[in-house]
Amino acid sequence: MSGGDQRGEGPPAGLTPAAIARAREAALEELRRRPRAPSWRRDAVGTALAVLGTTALVLGLGSWFSIVDIDRLSGRLVPLGLLVALQALGVYAAIAPGKNLLRRIVAVLAVTAMGAIVATRGAGASSATPAIACSSSHLAVDLIPLGLVLFALRRFAWTLDRSLLAGAAAAATGAIAGELSCARGWTHVLIHHIGAGLLIVVACVVISRMRKPRSFAP
């Protein structure tokens, strides 16, 4: 056997047997603590329920403080149904590995929900409340669901479609609250409701891209 072949065998230069032993022991200890990988389904369902629960809490508090009008529910069933579906399926599709078809379906659902929000408004009613109040409240109530989806995404490799869907699911919280608290027309909704939601989506993409994931699971 040649000297060149001998140099290609064994541990890399600079690694002592003691260092290799420590690395091996650390790896074995990690396997002992977590012998099985956590289920992505559990993460997906748990995060979706947490996001939906946050939305329910926002509506409950809004109704308590007379900001959200539950009586509007019957007239907003179509956009509200689409938004709730977007939250549940958006989180699931964002976390689930390899669900490309599901992600495309949820992307279409998100666009359909936005269209329904605008198309079902009409001219709307005037209000003495500044229009910017809708944008700011939309962004405020979306912060908790945004944090939830960002926390969940850290377990997986970053992809654009994954972060877009997670951001859309988080933004649906403010959109649902807006449907039950604001009676203004479609132009206001397009600018201050849809616009605020798009800001949340962009924030989700940027923040999730900047953060180092805990693993690179697909």
N, C-alpha and C. Protein backbone atom coordinates (compact mmCIF):
# COMPACT_ATOMS: atom_id res chain seq x y z
N MET A 1 0.85 -1.19 0.00
CA MET A 1 0.00 0.00 0.00
C MET A 1 0.89 1.24 0.00
N SER A 2 0.58 2.22 -0.84
CA SER A 2 1.40 3.41 -0.97
C SER A 2 1.22 4.34 0.20
N GLY A 3 2.20 5.28 0.37
CA GLY A 3 2.08 6.27 1.44
C GLY A 3 0.91 7.18 1.26
N GLY A 4 0.54 7.49 -0.05
CA GLY A 4 -0.62 8.36 -0.28
C GLY A 4 -1.89 7.72 0.20
N ASP A 5 -2.04 6.37 0.01
CA ASP A 5 -3.22 5.68 0.47
C ASP A 5 -3.30 5.69 1.98
N GLN A 6 -2.16 5.57 2.63
CA GLN A 6 -2.16 5.56 4.08
C GLN A 6 -2.58 6.90 4.65
N ARG A 7 -2.17 7.98 3.96
CA ARG A 7 -2.56 9.31 4.45
C ARG A 7 -4.06 9.54 4.30
N GLY A 8 -4.74 8.86 3.36
CA GLY A 8 -6.17 9.07 3.15
C GLY A 8 -7.02 8.35 4.17
N GLU A 9 -6.42 7.46 4.99
CA GLU A 9 -7.20 6.74 5.97
C GLU A 9 -7.10 7.40 7.33
N GLY A 10 -8.02 7.01 8.26
CA GLY A 10 -7.96 7.50 9.63
C GLY A 10 -8.68 8.82 9.79
N PRO A 11 -8.68 9.38 11.00
CA PRO A 11 -9.39 10.62 11.29
C PRO A 11 -8.72 11.82 10.63
N PRO A 12 -9.47 12.90 10.39
CA PRO A 12 -8.89 14.11 9.82
C PRO A 12 -7.79 14.66 10.72
N ALA A 13 -6.88 15.39 10.10
CA ALA A 13 -5.78 15.98 10.86
C ALA A 13 -6.31 16.93 11.92
N GLY A 14 -5.71 16.89 13.10
CA GLY A 14 -6.12 17.80 14.18
C GLY A 14 -7.12 17.20 15.13
N LEU A 15 -7.72 16.05 14.77
CA LEU A 15 -8.69 15.40 15.64
C LEU A 15 -7.97 14.31 16.44
N THR A 16 -7.93 14.49 17.73
CA THR A 16 -7.29 13.50 18.59
C THR A 16 -8.29 12.40 18.95
N PRO A 17 -7.81 11.25 19.35
CA PRO A 17 -8.74 10.19 19.79
C PRO A 17 -9.67 10.64 20.92
N ALA A 18 -9.18 11.52 21.79
CA ALA A 18 -10.02 12.00 22.89
C ALA A 18 -11.17 12.86 22.37
N ALA A 19 -10.88 13.71 21.34
CA ALA A 19 -11.93 14.56 20.76
C ALA A 19 -12.98 13.72 20.06
N ILE A 20 -12.53 12.68 19.34
CA ILE A 20 -13.47 11.79 18.65
C ILE A 20 -14.35 11.07 19.66
N ALA A 21 -13.76 10.65 20.76
CA ALA A 21 -14.53 9.96 21.80
C ALA A 21 -15.58 10.88 22.42
N ARG A 22 -15.20 12.13 22.63
CA ARG A 22 -16.17 13.09 23.19
C ARG A 22 -17.32 13.34 22.23
N ALA A 23 -17.01 13.49 20.93
CA ALA A 23 -18.05 13.71 19.93
C ALA A 23 -18.99 12.51 19.86
N ARG A 24 -18.41 11.31 19.91
CA ARG A 24 -19.22 10.10 19.86
C ARG A 24 -20.14 10.01 21.07
N GLU A 25 -19.62 10.33 22.24
CA GLU A 25 -20.42 10.27 23.45
C GLU A 25 -21.55 11.30 23.43
N ALA A 26 -21.27 12.49 22.89
CA ALA A 26 -22.30 13.52 22.79
C ALA A 26 -23.42 13.08 21.85
N ALA A 27 -23.04 12.44 20.73
CA ALA A 27 -24.04 11.95 19.79
C ALA A 27 -24.90 10.85 20.41
N LEU A 28 -24.25 9.95 21.14
CA LEU A 28 -25.00 8.87 21.79
C LEU A 28 -25.93 9.41 22.88
N GLU A 29 -25.47 10.43 23.58
CA GLU A 29 -26.32 11.04 24.61
C GLU A 29 -27.55 11.68 24.00
N GLU A 30 -27.38 12.34 22.84
CA GLU A 30 -28.53 12.95 22.15
C GLU A 30 -29.51 11.87 21.71
N LEU A 31 -28.99 10.75 21.22
CA LEU A 31 -29.87 9.66 20.81
C LEU A 31 -30.60 9.04 22.01
N ARG A 32 -29.93 8.99 23.15
CA ARG A 32 -30.59 8.45 24.34
C ARG A 32 -31.72 9.36 24.80
N ARG A 33 -31.49 10.68 24.68
CA ARG A 33 -32.53 11.61 25.14
C ARG A 33 -33.70 11.66 24.16
N ARG A 34 -33.41 11.58 22.86
CA ARG A 34 -34.47 11.65 21.86
C ARG A 34 -34.24 10.54 20.84
N PRO A 35 -34.57 9.31 21.21
CA PRO A 35 -34.30 8.18 20.31
C PRO A 35 -35.14 8.20 19.04
N ARG A 36 -36.25 8.90 19.07
CA ARG A 36 -37.11 8.97 17.89
C ARG A 36 -37.32 10.44 17.51
N ALA A 37 -37.34 10.70 16.21
CA ALA A 37 -37.57 12.06 15.74
C ALA A 37 -39.00 12.49 16.07
N PRO A 38 -39.20 13.75 16.51
CA PRO A 38 -40.56 14.22 16.80
C PRO A 38 -41.43 14.15 15.55
N SER A 39 -42.69 13.87 15.73
CA SER A 39 -43.62 13.73 14.61
C SER A 39 -43.97 15.10 14.03
N TRP A 40 -43.81 15.23 12.71
CA TRP A 40 -44.20 16.48 12.07
C TRP A 40 -45.71 16.65 12.10
N ARG A 41 -46.45 15.54 12.09
CA ARG A 41 -47.92 15.63 12.16
C ARG A 41 -48.37 16.24 13.49
N ARG A 42 -47.70 15.85 14.56
CA ARG A 42 -48.03 16.43 15.86
C ARG A 42 -47.74 17.92 15.87
N ASP A 43 -46.62 18.32 15.29
CA ASP A 43 -46.29 19.74 15.21
C ASP A 43 -47.31 20.50 14.36
N ALA A 44 -47.68 19.90 13.22
CA ALA A 44 -48.60 20.57 12.31
C ALA A 44 -49.98 20.76 12.95
N VAL A 45 -50.50 19.68 13.54
CA VAL A 45 -51.82 19.76 14.16
C VAL A 45 -51.79 20.69 15.38
N GLY A 46 -50.74 20.56 16.19
CA GLY A 46 -50.63 21.40 17.38
C GLY A 46 -50.53 22.88 17.04
N THR A 47 -49.72 23.21 16.02
CA THR A 47 -49.57 24.61 15.62
C THR A 47 -50.86 25.14 15.01
N ALA A 48 -51.53 24.32 14.18
CA ALA A 48 -52.80 24.75 13.58
C ALA A 48 -53.84 25.04 14.66
N LEU A 49 -53.92 24.16 15.65
CA LEU A 49 -54.88 24.36 16.74
C LEU A 49 -54.53 25.61 17.55
N ALA A 50 -53.23 25.85 17.75
CA ALA A 50 -52.81 27.04 18.50
C ALA A 50 -53.16 28.31 17.74
N VAL A 51 -52.96 28.31 16.43
CA VAL A 51 -53.31 29.48 15.62
C VAL A 51 -54.82 29.71 15.62
N LEU A 52 -55.59 28.64 15.44
CA LEU A 52 -57.05 28.77 15.48
C LEU A 52 -57.52 29.21 16.86
N GLY A 53 -56.88 28.69 17.91
CA GLY A 53 -57.24 29.11 19.25
C GLY A 53 -56.95 30.57 19.50
N THR A 54 -55.83 31.06 18.94
CA THR A 54 -55.51 32.49 19.05
C THR A 54 -56.57 33.33 18.36
N THR A 55 -57.01 32.88 17.21
CA THR A 55 -58.07 33.61 16.49
C THR A 55 -59.35 33.65 17.31
N ALA A 56 -59.72 32.52 17.91
CA ALA A 56 -60.92 32.48 18.76
C ALA A 56 -60.76 33.42 19.95
N LEU A 57 -59.57 33.47 20.52
CA LEU A 57 -59.33 34.37 21.65
C LEU A 57 -59.45 35.82 21.23
N VAL A 58 -58.91 36.16 20.07
CA VAL A 58 -59.02 37.53 19.55
C VAL A 58 -60.48 37.91 19.36
N LEU A 59 -61.27 37.01 18.78
CA LEU A 59 -62.69 37.30 18.56
C LEU A 59 -63.43 37.43 19.89
N GLY A 60 -63.09 36.57 20.85
CA GLY A 60 -63.74 36.65 22.15
C GLY A 60 -63.45 37.97 22.86
N LEU A 61 -62.19 38.37 22.86
CA LEU A 61 -61.82 39.64 23.49
C LEU A 61 -62.42 40.83 22.73
N GLY A 62 -62.41 40.72 21.40
CA GLY A 62 -63.00 41.80 20.60
C GLY A 62 -64.48 41.95 20.85
N SER A 63 -65.17 40.83 21.01
CA SER A 63 -66.60 40.90 21.32
C SER A 63 -66.83 41.46 22.72
N TRP A 64 -65.97 41.08 23.66
CA TRP A 64 -66.08 41.58 25.04
C TRP A 64 -65.95 43.10 25.09
N PHE A 65 -65.02 43.63 24.28
CA PHE A 65 -64.79 45.08 24.26
C PHE A 65 -65.61 45.79 23.18
N SER A 66 -66.59 45.07 22.63
CA SER A 66 -67.51 45.64 21.62
C SER A 66 -66.79 46.14 20.38
N ILE A 67 -65.69 45.48 20.03
CA ILE A 67 -64.98 45.80 18.80
C ILE A 67 -65.43 44.87 17.68
N VAL A 68 -65.55 43.61 18.01
CA VAL A 68 -66.02 42.60 17.05
C VAL A 68 -67.53 42.44 17.21
N ASP A 69 -68.23 42.45 16.10
CA ASP A 69 -69.69 42.29 16.09
C ASP A 69 -70.03 40.90 15.56
N ILE A 70 -70.35 39.98 16.46
CA ILE A 70 -70.66 38.61 16.06
C ILE A 70 -71.90 38.55 15.18
N ASP A 71 -72.78 39.55 15.26
CA ASP A 71 -73.98 39.56 14.42
C ASP A 71 -73.64 39.65 12.94
N ARG A 72 -72.43 40.07 12.60
CA ARG A 72 -72.03 40.14 11.19
C ARG A 72 -71.68 38.76 10.63
N LEU A 73 -71.62 37.78 11.50
CA LEU A 73 -71.16 36.45 11.08
C LEU A 73 -71.99 35.87 9.95
N SER A 74 -73.32 35.99 10.05
CA SER A 74 -74.19 35.37 9.04
C SER A 74 -74.00 35.97 7.66
N GLY A 75 -73.61 37.24 7.59
CA GLY A 75 -73.41 37.87 6.30
C GLY A 75 -72.02 37.72 5.73
N ARG A 76 -71.11 37.12 6.48
CA ARG A 76 -69.72 36.99 6.04
C ARG A 76 -69.27 35.53 6.04
N LEU A 77 -70.21 34.60 5.89
CA LEU A 77 -69.88 33.19 6.02
C LEU A 77 -68.88 32.70 4.97
N VAL A 78 -69.02 33.15 3.74
CA VAL A 78 -68.13 32.66 2.68
C VAL A 78 -66.68 33.07 2.93
N PRO A 79 -66.39 34.38 3.06
CA PRO A 79 -64.97 34.72 3.33
C PRO A 79 -64.45 34.17 4.65
N LEU A 80 -65.29 34.13 5.67
CA LEU A 80 -64.85 33.59 6.96
C LEU A 80 -64.52 32.10 6.87
N GLY A 81 -65.36 31.36 6.16
CA GLY A 81 -65.10 29.93 5.98
C GLY A 81 -63.79 29.69 5.24
N LEU A 82 -63.54 30.50 4.20
CA LEU A 82 -62.29 30.37 3.45
C LEU A 82 -61.09 30.72 4.32
N LEU A 83 -61.22 31.73 5.16
CA LEU A 83 -60.11 32.15 6.01
C LEU A 83 -59.79 31.10 7.09
N VAL A 84 -60.83 30.52 7.67
CA VAL A 84 -60.60 29.47 8.67
C VAL A 84 -59.92 28.26 8.01
N ALA A 85 -60.39 27.88 6.82
CA ALA A 85 -59.75 26.78 6.09
C ALA A 85 -58.30 27.11 5.76
N LEU A 86 -58.04 28.37 5.42
CA LEU A 86 -56.67 28.81 5.12
C LEU A 86 -55.77 28.67 6.34
N GLN A 87 -56.30 29.01 7.51
CA GLN A 87 -55.49 28.87 8.72
C GLN A 87 -55.14 27.41 8.99
N ALA A 88 -56.13 26.56 8.98
CA ALA A 88 -55.89 25.15 9.31
C ALA A 88 -55.02 24.46 8.26
N LEU A 89 -55.40 24.58 7.00
CA LEU A 89 -54.66 23.91 5.94
C LEU A 89 -53.33 24.59 5.65
N GLY A 90 -53.27 25.92 5.83
CA GLY A 90 -52.03 26.63 5.56
C GLY A 90 -50.92 26.20 6.50
N VAL A 91 -51.23 26.09 7.79
CA VAL A 91 -50.23 25.64 8.76
C VAL A 91 -49.82 24.20 8.45
N TYR A 92 -50.79 23.34 8.20
CA TYR A 92 -50.50 21.93 7.93
C TYR A 92 -49.62 21.79 6.69
N ALA A 93 -49.97 22.49 5.62
CA ALA A 93 -49.21 22.39 4.37
C ALA A 93 -47.81 22.97 4.52
N ALA A 94 -47.67 24.01 5.34
CA ALA A 94 -46.36 24.62 5.53
C ALA A 94 -45.41 23.70 6.28
N ILE A 95 -45.93 22.93 7.21
CA ILE A 95 -45.08 22.07 8.04
C ILE A 95 -44.88 20.69 7.41
N ALA A 96 -45.90 20.19 6.76
CA ALA A 96 -45.83 18.83 6.20
C ALA A 96 -44.73 18.73 5.14
N PRO A 97 -43.85 17.72 5.22
CA PRO A 97 -42.79 17.57 4.22
C PRO A 97 -43.31 17.00 2.91
N GLY A 98 -42.88 17.59 1.82
CA GLY A 98 -43.14 17.03 0.51
C GLY A 98 -44.56 17.10 0.00
N LYS A 99 -45.40 17.94 0.59
CA LYS A 99 -46.80 18.03 0.16
C LYS A 99 -46.95 19.14 -0.89
N ASN A 100 -46.31 18.97 -2.03
CA ASN A 100 -46.31 20.03 -3.04
C ASN A 100 -47.70 20.30 -3.62
N LEU A 101 -48.46 19.23 -3.86
CA LEU A 101 -49.80 19.42 -4.40
C LEU A 101 -50.69 20.13 -3.39
N LEU A 102 -50.60 19.73 -2.13
CA LEU A 102 -51.39 20.39 -1.09
C LEU A 102 -51.02 21.85 -0.98
N ARG A 103 -49.74 22.17 -1.10
CA ARG A 103 -49.31 23.57 -1.01
C ARG A 103 -49.87 24.39 -2.16
N ARG A 104 -49.93 23.80 -3.34
CA ARG A 104 -50.52 24.53 -4.48
C ARG A 104 -52.01 24.77 -4.24
N ILE A 105 -52.69 23.77 -3.70
CA ILE A 105 -54.12 23.92 -3.42
C ILE A 105 -54.36 25.02 -2.38
N VAL A 106 -53.54 25.04 -1.34
CA VAL A 106 -53.70 26.05 -0.29
C VAL A 106 -53.34 27.44 -0.83
N ALA A 107 -52.38 27.52 -1.74
CA ALA A 107 -52.06 28.80 -2.36
C ALA A 107 -53.25 29.34 -3.14
N VAL A 108 -53.93 28.46 -3.88
CA VAL A 108 -55.16 28.87 -4.58
C VAL A 108 -56.23 29.28 -3.58
N LEU A 109 -56.33 28.56 -2.48
CA LEU A 109 -57.29 28.90 -1.43
C LEU A 109 -57.01 30.29 -0.87
N ALA A 110 -55.74 30.62 -0.67
CA ALA A 110 -55.38 31.94 -0.13
C ALA A 110 -55.80 33.05 -1.09
N VAL A 111 -55.53 32.86 -2.37
CA VAL A 111 -55.93 33.86 -3.37
C VAL A 111 -57.45 33.98 -3.43
N THR A 112 -58.14 32.84 -3.36
CA THR A 112 -59.61 32.85 -3.38
C THR A 112 -60.17 33.57 -2.17
N ALA A 113 -59.57 33.35 -1.01
CA ALA A 113 -60.02 34.02 0.21
C ALA A 113 -59.85 35.53 0.09
N MET A 114 -58.71 35.98 -0.43
CA MET A 114 -58.50 37.42 -0.63
C MET A 114 -59.53 38.00 -1.58
N GLY A 115 -59.79 37.27 -2.67
CA GLY A 115 -60.79 37.74 -3.62
C GLY A 115 -62.17 37.82 -3.01
N ALA A 116 -62.52 36.83 -2.18
CA ALA A 116 -63.84 36.82 -1.55
C ALA A 116 -63.99 37.98 -0.57
N ILE A 117 -62.92 38.29 0.16
CA ILE A 117 -62.97 39.40 1.12
C ILE A 117 -63.31 40.71 0.41
N VAL A 118 -62.66 40.92 -0.73
CA VAL A 118 -62.87 42.16 -1.48
C VAL A 118 -64.21 42.14 -2.22
N ALA A 119 -64.52 41.02 -2.90
CA ALA A 119 -65.69 40.96 -3.77
C ALA A 119 -67.00 41.03 -3.01
N THR A 120 -67.03 40.60 -1.76
CA THR A 120 -68.29 40.57 -1.01
C THR A 120 -68.52 41.84 -0.18
N ARG A 121 -67.68 42.84 -0.34
CA ARG A 121 -67.83 44.04 0.47
C ARG A 121 -68.76 45.09 -0.14
N GLY A 122 -68.65 45.33 -1.43
CA GLY A 122 -69.45 46.39 -2.02
C GLY A 122 -68.95 47.76 -1.60
N ALA A 123 -69.84 48.75 -1.61
CA ALA A 123 -69.45 50.13 -1.27
C ALA A 123 -69.18 50.29 0.21
N GLY A 124 -69.87 49.50 1.04
CA GLY A 124 -69.65 49.57 2.48
C GLY A 124 -70.26 50.79 3.12
N ALA A 125 -69.94 50.98 4.39
CA ALA A 125 -70.48 52.10 5.17
C ALA A 125 -69.33 52.99 5.63
N SER A 126 -69.64 54.25 5.85
CA SER A 126 -68.63 55.19 6.34
C SER A 126 -68.41 54.98 7.84
N SER A 127 -67.27 55.48 8.32
CA SER A 127 -66.94 55.33 9.72
C SER A 127 -66.08 56.50 10.16
N ALA A 128 -66.28 56.91 11.43
CA ALA A 128 -65.48 58.00 11.98
C ALA A 128 -64.11 57.52 12.45
N THR A 129 -63.93 56.22 12.56
CA THR A 129 -62.64 55.67 12.98
C THR A 129 -61.61 55.82 11.87
N PRO A 130 -60.41 56.29 12.18
CA PRO A 130 -59.37 56.41 11.14
C PRO A 130 -59.10 55.09 10.45
N ALA A 131 -58.91 55.13 9.15
CA ALA A 131 -58.70 53.90 8.39
C ALA A 131 -57.45 53.15 8.85
N ILE A 132 -56.45 53.91 9.28
CA ILE A 132 -55.20 53.27 9.71
C ILE A 132 -55.41 52.39 10.94
N ALA A 133 -56.50 52.61 11.66
CA ALA A 133 -56.77 51.77 12.84
C ALA A 133 -56.97 50.31 12.44
N CYS A 134 -57.56 50.09 11.28
CA CYS A 134 -57.75 48.71 10.81
C CYS A 134 -56.40 48.06 10.51
N SER A 135 -55.52 48.80 9.83
CA SER A 135 -54.20 48.25 9.52
C SER A 135 -53.43 47.91 10.78
N SER A 136 -53.39 48.84 11.72
CA SER A 136 -52.59 48.64 12.93
C SER A 136 -53.16 47.50 13.79
N SER A 137 -54.48 47.43 13.90
CA SER A 137 -55.07 46.35 14.70
C SER A 137 -54.87 45.00 14.01
N HIS A 138 -54.96 44.99 12.68
CA HIS A 138 -54.71 43.77 11.93
C HIS A 138 -53.30 43.25 12.21
N LEU A 139 -52.33 44.13 12.12
CA LEU A 139 -50.95 43.73 12.37
C LEU A 139 -50.75 43.28 13.81
N ALA A 140 -51.39 43.97 14.75
CA ALA A 140 -51.21 43.66 16.17
C ALA A 140 -51.72 42.26 16.50
N VAL A 141 -52.92 41.91 16.04
CA VAL A 141 -53.48 40.61 16.39
C VAL A 141 -52.80 39.47 15.64
N ASP A 142 -52.07 39.79 14.58
CA ASP A 142 -51.36 38.76 13.83
C ASP A 142 -50.01 38.39 14.45
N LEU A 143 -49.54 39.16 15.41
CA LEU A 143 -48.20 38.93 15.94
C LEU A 143 -48.08 37.57 16.64
N ILE A 144 -49.09 37.20 17.43
CA ILE A 144 -49.01 35.92 18.14
C ILE A 144 -49.04 34.74 17.17
N PRO A 145 -50.00 34.66 16.24
CA PRO A 145 -49.95 33.55 15.28
C PRO A 145 -48.68 33.56 14.42
N LEU A 146 -48.15 34.75 14.12
CA LEU A 146 -46.90 34.81 13.38
C LEU A 146 -45.77 34.17 14.19
N GLY A 147 -45.72 34.49 15.47
CA GLY A 147 -44.72 33.87 16.34
C GLY A 147 -44.87 32.36 16.41
N LEU A 148 -46.10 31.89 16.44
CA LEU A 148 -46.35 30.45 16.51
C LEU A 148 -45.84 29.72 15.27
N VAL A 149 -46.14 30.27 14.10
CA VAL A 149 -45.71 29.58 12.87
C VAL A 149 -44.20 29.70 12.68
N LEU A 150 -43.61 30.82 13.08
CA LEU A 150 -42.16 30.95 12.97
C LEU A 150 -41.45 29.94 13.88
N PHE A 151 -41.99 29.74 15.06
CA PHE A 151 -41.41 28.76 15.98
C PHE A 151 -41.49 27.36 15.38
N ALA A 152 -42.62 27.04 14.77
CA ALA A 152 -42.78 25.70 14.17
C ALA A 152 -41.86 25.51 12.97
N LEU A 153 -41.67 26.56 12.18
CA LEU A 153 -40.86 26.42 10.97
C LEU A 153 -39.39 26.18 11.25
N ARG A 154 -38.92 26.50 12.44
CA ARG A 154 -37.50 26.34 12.75
C ARG A 154 -37.07 24.87 12.77
N ARG A 155 -38.01 23.97 12.82
CA ARG A 155 -37.67 22.54 12.82
C ARG A 155 -37.43 22.00 11.43
N PHE A 156 -37.61 22.84 10.41
CA PHE A 156 -37.56 22.34 9.04
C PHE A 156 -36.71 23.26 8.16
N ALA A 157 -36.24 22.72 7.06
CA ALA A 157 -35.47 23.50 6.11
C ALA A 157 -36.34 24.61 5.52
N TRP A 158 -35.73 25.78 5.29
CA TRP A 158 -36.48 26.91 4.75
C TRP A 158 -36.79 26.70 3.28
N THR A 159 -38.04 26.97 2.92
CA THR A 159 -38.42 27.07 1.51
C THR A 159 -39.39 28.24 1.39
N LEU A 160 -39.42 28.84 0.21
CA LEU A 160 -40.27 30.02 0.01
C LEU A 160 -41.74 29.67 0.15
N ASP A 161 -42.18 28.58 -0.47
CA ASP A 161 -43.60 28.24 -0.40
C ASP A 161 -44.04 27.91 1.02
N ARG A 162 -43.15 27.26 1.78
CA ARG A 162 -43.45 26.94 3.18
C ARG A 162 -43.67 28.22 3.99
N SER A 163 -42.79 29.20 3.85
CA SER A 163 -42.91 30.44 4.62
C SER A 163 -44.07 31.30 4.14
N LEU A 164 -44.37 31.27 2.86
CA LEU A 164 -45.51 32.04 2.34
C LEU A 164 -46.82 31.52 2.92
N LEU A 165 -47.00 30.21 2.92
CA LEU A 165 -48.24 29.64 3.44
C LEU A 165 -48.37 29.85 4.94
N ALA A 166 -47.27 29.73 5.67
CA ALA A 166 -47.31 29.97 7.11
C ALA A 166 -47.68 31.41 7.40
N GLY A 167 -47.12 32.35 6.63
CA GLY A 167 -47.46 33.75 6.81
C GLY A 167 -48.91 34.04 6.49
N ALA A 168 -49.42 33.41 5.43
CA ALA A 168 -50.83 33.61 5.07
C ALA A 168 -51.76 33.09 6.17
N ALA A 169 -51.40 31.94 6.76
CA ALA A 169 -52.21 31.39 7.85
C ALA A 169 -52.21 32.32 9.05
N ALA A 170 -51.06 32.92 9.36
CA ALA A 170 -51.00 33.87 10.47
C ALA A 170 -51.80 35.13 10.18
N ALA A 171 -51.71 35.61 8.95
CA ALA A 171 -52.42 36.83 8.57
C ALA A 171 -53.93 36.67 8.57
N ALA A 172 -54.39 35.43 8.46
CA ALA A 172 -55.84 35.19 8.44
C ALA A 172 -56.50 35.56 9.76
N THR A 173 -55.73 35.57 10.86
CA THR A 173 -56.32 35.97 12.15
C THR A 173 -56.85 37.39 12.08
N GLY A 174 -56.00 38.32 11.62
CA GLY A 174 -56.44 39.70 11.49
C GLY A 174 -57.54 39.87 10.46
N ALA A 175 -57.47 39.07 9.39
CA ALA A 175 -58.51 39.17 8.36
C ALA A 175 -59.86 38.74 8.90
N ILE A 176 -59.88 37.68 9.70
CA ILE A 176 -61.15 37.22 10.29
C ILE A 176 -61.70 38.28 11.24
N ALA A 177 -60.83 38.85 12.08
CA ALA A 177 -61.28 39.90 12.99
C ALA A 177 -61.79 41.10 12.21
N GLY A 178 -61.12 41.43 11.11
CA GLY A 178 -61.56 42.56 10.29
C GLY A 178 -62.91 42.35 9.65
N GLU A 179 -63.20 41.11 9.27
CA GLU A 179 -64.50 40.82 8.67
C GLU A 179 -65.65 41.06 9.66
N LEU A 180 -65.35 40.89 10.95
CA LEU A 180 -66.41 41.01 11.96
C LEU A 180 -66.35 42.33 12.72
N SER A 181 -65.45 43.21 12.35
CA SER A 181 -65.35 44.48 13.07
C SER A 181 -65.40 45.71 12.17
N CYS A 182 -65.32 45.51 10.87
CA CYS A 182 -65.26 46.64 9.95
C CYS A 182 -66.30 46.48 8.86
N ALA A 183 -67.07 47.54 8.60
CA ALA A 183 -68.13 47.49 7.59
C ALA A 183 -67.83 48.38 6.39
N ARG A 184 -66.58 48.83 6.28
CA ARG A 184 -66.23 49.71 5.16
C ARG A 184 -66.17 48.94 3.85
N GLY A 185 -66.01 49.71 2.76
CA GLY A 185 -66.09 49.14 1.42
C GLY A 185 -64.83 48.44 0.96
N TRP A 186 -64.89 47.97 -0.30
CA TRP A 186 -63.84 47.10 -0.82
C TRP A 186 -62.50 47.79 -0.99
N THR A 187 -62.52 49.09 -1.32
CA THR A 187 -61.23 49.78 -1.48
C THR A 187 -60.47 49.86 -0.15
N HIS A 188 -61.23 50.15 0.92
CA HIS A 188 -60.62 50.18 2.25
C HIS A 188 -60.08 48.80 2.61
N VAL A 189 -60.85 47.76 2.33
CA VAL A 189 -60.44 46.39 2.65
C VAL A 189 -59.18 46.01 1.87
N LEU A 190 -59.15 46.39 0.60
CA LEU A 190 -58.00 46.06 -0.24
C LEU A 190 -56.72 46.69 0.30
N ILE A 191 -56.82 47.94 0.74
CA ILE A 191 -55.63 48.66 1.19
C ILE A 191 -55.26 48.30 2.62
N HIS A 192 -56.22 48.38 3.52
CA HIS A 192 -55.91 48.29 4.95
C HIS A 192 -56.04 46.88 5.54
N HIS A 193 -56.81 46.00 4.93
CA HIS A 193 -56.93 44.64 5.41
C HIS A 193 -55.99 43.70 4.64
N ILE A 194 -56.19 43.65 3.32
CA ILE A 194 -55.31 42.81 2.50
C ILE A 194 -53.87 43.31 2.58
N GLY A 195 -53.70 44.63 2.55
CA GLY A 195 -52.35 45.19 2.63
C GLY A 195 -51.63 44.80 3.90
N ALA A 196 -52.33 44.87 5.04
CA ALA A 196 -51.72 44.48 6.31
C ALA A 196 -51.39 42.99 6.31
N GLY A 197 -52.29 42.19 5.75
CA GLY A 197 -52.02 40.75 5.68
C GLY A 197 -50.79 40.43 4.85
N LEU A 198 -50.60 41.15 3.73
CA LEU A 198 -49.42 40.92 2.90
C LEU A 198 -48.14 41.31 3.63
N LEU A 199 -48.21 42.32 4.47
CA LEU A 199 -47.05 42.70 5.28
C LEU A 199 -46.66 41.56 6.23
N ILE A 200 -47.66 40.90 6.81
CA ILE A 200 -47.38 39.77 7.69
C ILE A 200 -46.74 38.63 6.91
N VAL A 201 -47.23 38.38 5.71
CA VAL A 201 -46.64 37.32 4.88
C VAL A 201 -45.18 37.63 4.56
N VAL A 202 -44.91 38.88 4.17
CA VAL A 202 -43.53 39.28 3.87
C VAL A 202 -42.66 39.14 5.12
N ALA A 203 -43.19 39.56 6.27
CA ALA A 203 -42.42 39.43 7.52
C ALA A 203 -42.10 37.98 7.82
N CYS A 204 -43.04 37.09 7.59
CA CYS A 204 -42.81 35.66 7.84
C CYS A 204 -41.70 35.13 6.93
N VAL A 205 -41.73 35.52 5.66
CA VAL A 205 -40.71 35.07 4.73
C VAL A 205 -39.32 35.57 5.14
N VAL A 206 -39.24 36.87 5.45
CA VAL A 206 -37.95 37.47 5.77
C VAL A 206 -37.38 36.92 7.08
N ILE A 207 -38.22 36.88 8.12
CA ILE A 207 -37.73 36.43 9.43
C ILE A 207 -37.34 34.95 9.40
N SER A 208 -38.19 34.12 8.78
CA SER A 208 -37.87 32.69 8.72
C SER A 208 -36.61 32.44 7.89
N ARG A 209 -36.37 33.25 6.88
CA ARG A 209 -35.17 33.09 6.07
C ARG A 209 -33.92 33.50 6.84
N MET A 210 -34.04 34.50 7.68
CA MET A 210 -32.89 35.00 8.42
C MET A 210 -32.51 34.10 9.59
N ARG A 211 -33.48 33.41 10.15
CA ARG A 211 -33.21 32.57 11.33
C ARG A 211 -32.62 31.24 10.92
N LYS A 212 -31.67 30.77 11.69
CA LYS A 212 -31.05 29.48 11.42
C LYS A 212 -31.98 28.37 11.91
N PRO A 213 -32.35 27.44 11.03
CA PRO A 213 -33.24 26.35 11.48
C PRO A 213 -32.55 25.40 12.43
N ARG A 214 -33.34 24.77 13.29
CA ARG A 214 -32.78 23.78 14.22
C ARG A 214 -32.40 22.49 13.51
N SER A 215 -33.03 22.23 12.39
CA SER A 215 -32.68 21.07 11.57
C SER A 215 -32.95 21.44 10.13
N PHE A 216 -32.52 20.57 9.22
CA PHE A 216 -32.73 20.82 7.80
C PHE A 216 -33.63 19.73 7.22
N ALA A 217 -34.58 19.29 8.03
CA ALA A 217 -35.55 18.29 7.57
C ALA A 217 -36.37 18.88 6.42
N PRO A 218 -36.66 18.09 5.40
CA PRO A 218 -37.39 18.62 4.24
C PRO A 218 -38.84 18.96 4.55
